[in-house]
């Protein structure tokens, strides 16, 4: 097993290619262990060089609705069913239309 830290973009791309070749290997084998190590190294490199910020609450709501092919009306009805006031619902709607 020839593994090394990922320090450059070239190292990163090579690791991704290697992961692709190992993607279907059995766990608890040398190849499976290599896959585990490579994915850990790639995750660490990506966390440092390609960080992903957490979504805002509005972005999270929009993603949730879009991923389930649901419109705002279902979301708004759910808020109303839980006793959320019209003032708060209007504020949410304003935030959703601004983004």
N, C-alpha and C. Protein backbone atom coordinates (compact mmCIF):
# COMPACT_ATOMS: atom_id res chain seq x y z
N UNK A 1 0.85 -1.17 0.00
CA UNK A 1 0.00 0.00 0.00
C UNK A 1 0.90 1.23 0.00
N UNK A 2 0.87 2.00 -1.08
CA UNK A 2 1.72 3.19 -1.22
C UNK A 2 0.86 4.43 -1.03
N UNK A 3 0.78 4.92 0.21
CA UNK A 3 -0.03 6.08 0.52
C UNK A 3 0.85 7.22 0.99
N UNK A 4 0.40 8.45 0.71
CA UNK A 4 1.14 9.63 1.15
C UNK A 4 0.13 10.75 1.39
N UNK A 5 0.52 11.75 2.17
CA UNK A 5 -0.38 12.87 2.40
C UNK A 5 -0.73 13.59 1.09
N UNK A 6 -1.90 14.19 1.06
CA UNK A 6 -2.33 14.96 -0.10
C UNK A 6 -1.95 16.41 0.17
N UNK A 7 -0.96 16.90 -0.58
CA UNK A 7 -0.46 18.26 -0.35
C UNK A 7 -0.75 19.21 -1.50
N UNK A 8 -0.99 18.67 -2.68
CA UNK A 8 -1.20 19.52 -3.86
C UNK A 8 -2.48 19.11 -4.57
N UNK A 9 -2.90 19.95 -5.50
CA UNK A 9 -4.07 19.63 -6.31
C UNK A 9 -3.81 18.37 -7.15
N UNK A 10 -2.57 18.22 -7.61
CA UNK A 10 -2.21 17.03 -8.38
C UNK A 10 -2.35 15.76 -7.52
N UNK A 11 -1.86 15.83 -6.28
CA UNK A 11 -2.02 14.71 -5.35
C UNK A 11 -3.50 14.39 -5.13
N UNK A 12 -4.29 15.45 -4.99
CA UNK A 12 -5.73 15.31 -4.76
C UNK A 12 -6.39 14.61 -5.94
N UNK A 13 -6.09 15.04 -7.15
CA UNK A 13 -6.68 14.43 -8.35
C UNK A 13 -6.26 12.96 -8.48
N UNK A 14 -5.02 12.67 -8.17
CA UNK A 14 -4.55 11.29 -8.23
C UNK A 14 -5.27 10.42 -7.21
N UNK A 15 -5.48 10.96 -6.03
CA UNK A 15 -6.19 10.21 -4.99
C UNK A 15 -7.63 9.94 -5.42
N UNK A 16 -8.28 10.93 -6.03
CA UNK A 16 -9.65 10.72 -6.52
C UNK A 16 -9.70 9.62 -7.57
N UNK A 17 -8.74 9.61 -8.47
CA UNK A 17 -8.69 8.55 -9.50
C UNK A 17 -8.49 7.18 -8.85
N UNK A 18 -7.63 7.13 -7.86
CA UNK A 18 -7.37 5.86 -7.17
C UNK A 18 -8.63 5.39 -6.42
N UNK A 19 -9.32 6.32 -5.79
CA UNK A 19 -10.57 5.98 -5.10
C UNK A 19 -11.57 5.40 -6.09
N UNK A 20 -11.64 6.00 -7.26
CA UNK A 20 -12.57 5.50 -8.29
C UNK A 20 -12.28 4.06 -8.65
N UNK A 21 -11.01 3.69 -8.73
CA UNK A 21 -10.67 2.31 -9.08
C UNK A 21 -10.96 1.34 -7.94
N UNK A 22 -10.99 1.86 -6.71
CA UNK A 22 -11.21 1.00 -5.54
C UNK A 22 -12.65 1.02 -5.04
N UNK A 23 -13.51 1.74 -5.72
CA UNK A 23 -14.85 2.00 -5.21
C UNK A 23 -15.65 0.74 -4.92
N UNK A 24 -15.47 -0.33 -5.65
CA UNK A 24 -16.27 -1.55 -5.50
C UNK A 24 -15.56 -2.66 -4.73
N UNK A 25 -14.43 -2.35 -4.08
CA UNK A 25 -13.69 -3.41 -3.39
C UNK A 25 -14.40 -3.87 -2.13
N UNK A 26 -14.06 -5.05 -1.69
CA UNK A 26 -14.62 -5.63 -0.47
C UNK A 26 -14.02 -4.92 0.75
N UNK A 27 -14.85 -4.78 1.79
CA UNK A 27 -14.33 -4.25 3.04
C UNK A 27 -13.48 -5.32 3.72
N UNK A 28 -12.70 -4.91 4.67
CA UNK A 28 -11.82 -5.81 5.43
C UNK A 28 -10.81 -6.54 4.55
N UNK A 29 -10.37 -5.87 3.51
CA UNK A 29 -9.28 -6.37 2.65
C UNK A 29 -8.23 -5.26 2.59
N UNK A 30 -7.08 -5.58 2.04
CA UNK A 30 -6.06 -4.54 1.88
C UNK A 30 -6.56 -3.40 1.00
N UNK A 31 -7.28 -3.76 -0.06
CA UNK A 31 -7.81 -2.72 -0.95
C UNK A 31 -8.89 -1.90 -0.24
N UNK A 32 -9.69 -2.56 0.58
CA UNK A 32 -10.71 -1.85 1.35
C UNK A 32 -10.11 -0.89 2.35
N UNK A 33 -9.03 -1.32 2.99
CA UNK A 33 -8.32 -0.43 3.93
C UNK A 33 -7.71 0.74 3.19
N UNK A 34 -7.15 0.49 2.02
CA UNK A 34 -6.58 1.57 1.22
C UNK A 34 -7.67 2.58 0.85
N UNK A 35 -8.83 2.08 0.47
CA UNK A 35 -9.95 2.97 0.15
C UNK A 35 -10.33 3.82 1.36
N UNK A 36 -10.42 3.21 2.53
CA UNK A 36 -10.75 3.96 3.74
C UNK A 36 -9.73 5.06 4.01
N UNK A 37 -8.47 4.74 3.89
CA UNK A 37 -7.41 5.71 4.16
C UNK A 37 -7.44 6.84 3.13
N UNK A 38 -7.58 6.48 1.85
CA UNK A 38 -7.62 7.50 0.81
C UNK A 38 -8.81 8.44 0.98
N UNK A 39 -9.98 7.89 1.30
CA UNK A 39 -11.14 8.76 1.48
C UNK A 39 -10.97 9.69 2.68
N UNK A 40 -10.31 9.21 3.72
CA UNK A 40 -10.03 10.06 4.88
C UNK A 40 -9.08 11.18 4.50
N UNK A 41 -8.05 10.85 3.72
CA UNK A 41 -7.11 11.88 3.26
C UNK A 41 -7.79 12.91 2.36
N UNK A 42 -8.64 12.43 1.46
CA UNK A 42 -9.35 13.34 0.56
C UNK A 42 -10.29 14.24 1.35
N UNK A 43 -11.01 13.67 2.31
CA UNK A 43 -11.92 14.48 3.13
C UNK A 43 -11.16 15.58 3.87
N UNK A 44 -10.00 15.25 4.41
CA UNK A 44 -9.20 16.26 5.13
C UNK A 44 -8.73 17.35 4.17
N UNK A 45 -8.30 16.97 2.97
CA UNK A 45 -7.85 17.95 1.99
C UNK A 45 -9.01 18.85 1.56
N UNK A 46 -10.17 18.24 1.30
CA UNK A 46 -11.34 19.02 0.87
C UNK A 46 -11.81 19.96 1.97
N UNK A 47 -11.77 19.51 3.21
CA UNK A 47 -12.19 20.36 4.32
C UNK A 47 -11.32 21.60 4.40
N UNK A 48 -10.04 21.44 4.12
CA UNK A 48 -9.11 22.57 4.20
C UNK A 48 -9.17 23.45 2.94
N UNK A 49 -9.28 22.84 1.76
CA UNK A 49 -9.17 23.60 0.51
C UNK A 49 -10.50 23.92 -0.17
N UNK A 50 -11.54 23.19 0.15
CA UNK A 50 -12.86 23.40 -0.45
C UNK A 50 -13.94 23.38 0.63
N UNK A 51 -13.83 24.26 1.62
CA UNK A 51 -14.81 24.21 2.71
C UNK A 51 -16.21 24.56 2.20
N UNK A 52 -17.19 23.94 2.80
CA UNK A 52 -18.59 24.20 2.46
C UNK A 52 -19.26 24.77 3.70
N UNK A 53 -19.74 25.99 3.57
CA UNK A 53 -20.44 26.63 4.68
C UNK A 53 -21.79 25.98 4.90
N UNK A 54 -22.24 25.99 6.14
CA UNK A 54 -23.58 25.51 6.44
C UNK A 54 -24.59 26.45 5.81
N UNK A 55 -25.72 25.92 5.37
CA UNK A 55 -26.72 26.79 4.76
C UNK A 55 -27.38 27.68 5.80
N UNK A 56 -27.89 28.81 5.34
CA UNK A 56 -28.71 29.64 6.22
C UNK A 56 -30.02 28.90 6.46
N UNK A 57 -30.77 29.28 7.47
CA UNK A 57 -32.06 28.61 7.69
C UNK A 57 -32.97 28.68 6.46
N UNK A 58 -32.98 29.80 5.78
CA UNK A 58 -33.82 29.96 4.59
C UNK A 58 -33.33 29.02 3.48
N UNK A 59 -32.02 28.95 3.27
CA UNK A 59 -31.47 28.03 2.27
C UNK A 59 -31.82 26.59 2.59
N UNK A 60 -31.80 26.24 3.87
CA UNK A 60 -32.14 24.88 4.28
C UNK A 60 -33.62 24.59 4.00
N UNK A 61 -34.48 25.56 4.28
CA UNK A 61 -35.91 25.38 3.99
C UNK A 61 -36.14 25.21 2.50
N UNK A 62 -35.50 26.07 1.70
CA UNK A 62 -35.67 25.98 0.25
C UNK A 62 -35.19 24.65 -0.28
N UNK A 63 -34.04 24.18 0.21
CA UNK A 63 -33.52 22.89 -0.23
C UNK A 63 -34.50 21.77 0.14
N UNK A 64 -35.00 21.82 1.36
CA UNK A 64 -35.94 20.80 1.82
C UNK A 64 -37.17 20.76 0.91
N UNK A 65 -37.73 21.92 0.62
CA UNK A 65 -38.91 21.98 -0.23
C UNK A 65 -38.62 21.50 -1.65
N UNK A 66 -37.51 21.97 -2.22
CA UNK A 66 -37.17 21.59 -3.59
C UNK A 66 -36.86 20.10 -3.71
N UNK A 67 -36.19 19.54 -2.71
CA UNK A 67 -35.81 18.13 -2.79
C UNK A 67 -37.01 17.20 -2.68
N UNK A 68 -38.10 17.72 -2.17
CA UNK A 68 -39.32 16.92 -2.04
C UNK A 68 -40.42 17.37 -2.99
N UNK A 69 -40.04 18.25 -3.92
CA UNK A 69 -40.98 18.80 -4.90
C UNK A 69 -42.23 19.37 -4.22
N UNK A 70 -42.00 20.07 -3.14
CA UNK A 70 -43.11 20.68 -2.40
C UNK A 70 -43.07 22.19 -2.59
N UNK A 71 -44.22 22.78 -2.71
CA UNK A 71 -44.31 24.22 -2.84
C UNK A 71 -44.37 24.90 -1.48
N UNK A 72 -44.37 26.23 -1.52
CA UNK A 72 -44.44 27.01 -0.29
C UNK A 72 -45.75 26.77 0.45
N UNK A 73 -46.81 26.51 -0.29
CA UNK A 73 -48.12 26.39 0.36
C UNK A 73 -48.13 25.23 1.37
N UNK A 74 -47.50 24.13 1.05
CA UNK A 74 -47.44 23.00 1.98
C UNK A 74 -46.65 23.40 3.23
N UNK A 75 -45.55 24.12 3.01
CA UNK A 75 -44.73 24.58 4.11
C UNK A 75 -45.51 25.56 4.99
N UNK A 76 -46.17 26.51 4.36
CA UNK A 76 -46.94 27.52 5.09
C UNK A 76 -48.09 26.86 5.86
N UNK A 77 -48.78 25.93 5.22
CA UNK A 77 -49.86 25.21 5.91
C UNK A 77 -49.33 24.45 7.13
N UNK A 78 -48.15 23.89 6.99
CA UNK A 78 -47.54 23.20 8.12
C UNK A 78 -47.25 24.15 9.27
N UNK A 79 -46.79 25.37 8.95
CA UNK A 79 -46.56 26.36 9.99
C UNK A 79 -47.86 26.75 10.68
N UNK A 80 -48.89 26.97 9.86
CA UNK A 80 -50.19 27.36 10.43
C UNK A 80 -50.76 26.25 11.31
N UNK A 81 -50.61 25.01 10.88
CA UNK A 81 -51.11 23.88 11.68
C UNK A 81 -50.40 23.77 13.02
N UNK A 82 -49.20 24.32 13.09
CA UNK A 82 -48.44 24.27 14.35
C UNK A 82 -48.65 25.54 15.17
N UNK A 83 -49.58 26.40 14.74
CA UNK A 83 -49.92 27.59 15.52
C UNK A 83 -48.99 28.77 15.34
N UNK A 84 -48.21 28.78 14.27
CA UNK A 84 -47.33 29.92 14.02
C UNK A 84 -48.18 31.10 13.56
N UNK A 85 -47.87 32.27 14.10
CA UNK A 85 -48.68 33.45 13.81
C UNK A 85 -48.49 33.92 12.37
N UNK A 86 -49.49 34.65 11.87
CA UNK A 86 -49.42 35.21 10.52
C UNK A 86 -48.25 36.17 10.38
N UNK A 87 -47.94 36.91 11.44
CA UNK A 87 -46.82 37.87 11.38
C UNK A 87 -45.51 37.14 11.12
N UNK A 88 -45.31 36.03 11.80
CA UNK A 88 -44.07 35.26 11.61
C UNK A 88 -44.08 34.61 10.23
N UNK A 89 -45.21 34.10 9.80
CA UNK A 89 -45.32 33.50 8.47
C UNK A 89 -45.01 34.54 7.39
N UNK A 90 -45.52 35.75 7.55
CA UNK A 90 -45.23 36.81 6.59
C UNK A 90 -43.74 37.16 6.57
N UNK A 91 -43.10 37.13 7.73
CA UNK A 91 -41.67 37.38 7.81
C UNK A 91 -40.89 36.29 7.07
N UNK A 92 -41.31 35.05 7.26
CA UNK A 92 -40.67 33.93 6.56
C UNK A 92 -40.85 34.09 5.05
N UNK A 93 -42.05 34.43 4.63
CA UNK A 93 -42.31 34.64 3.20
C UNK A 93 -41.46 35.76 2.64
N UNK A 94 -41.29 36.84 3.41
CA UNK A 94 -40.44 37.93 2.95
C UNK A 94 -39.01 37.47 2.79
N UNK A 95 -38.51 36.69 3.74
CA UNK A 95 -37.13 36.17 3.65
C UNK A 95 -36.99 35.22 2.45
N UNK A 96 -38.00 34.41 2.20
CA UNK A 96 -37.93 33.47 1.08
C UNK A 96 -37.94 34.19 -0.27
N UNK A 97 -38.66 35.26 -0.39
CA UNK A 97 -38.72 35.98 -1.66
C UNK A 97 -37.50 36.84 -1.89
N UNK A 98 -36.77 37.21 -0.82
CA UNK A 98 -35.57 38.01 -0.97
C UNK A 98 -34.42 37.17 -1.51
N UNK A 99 -34.35 35.88 -1.13
CA UNK A 99 -33.23 35.03 -1.56
C UNK A 99 -33.38 34.54 -2.96
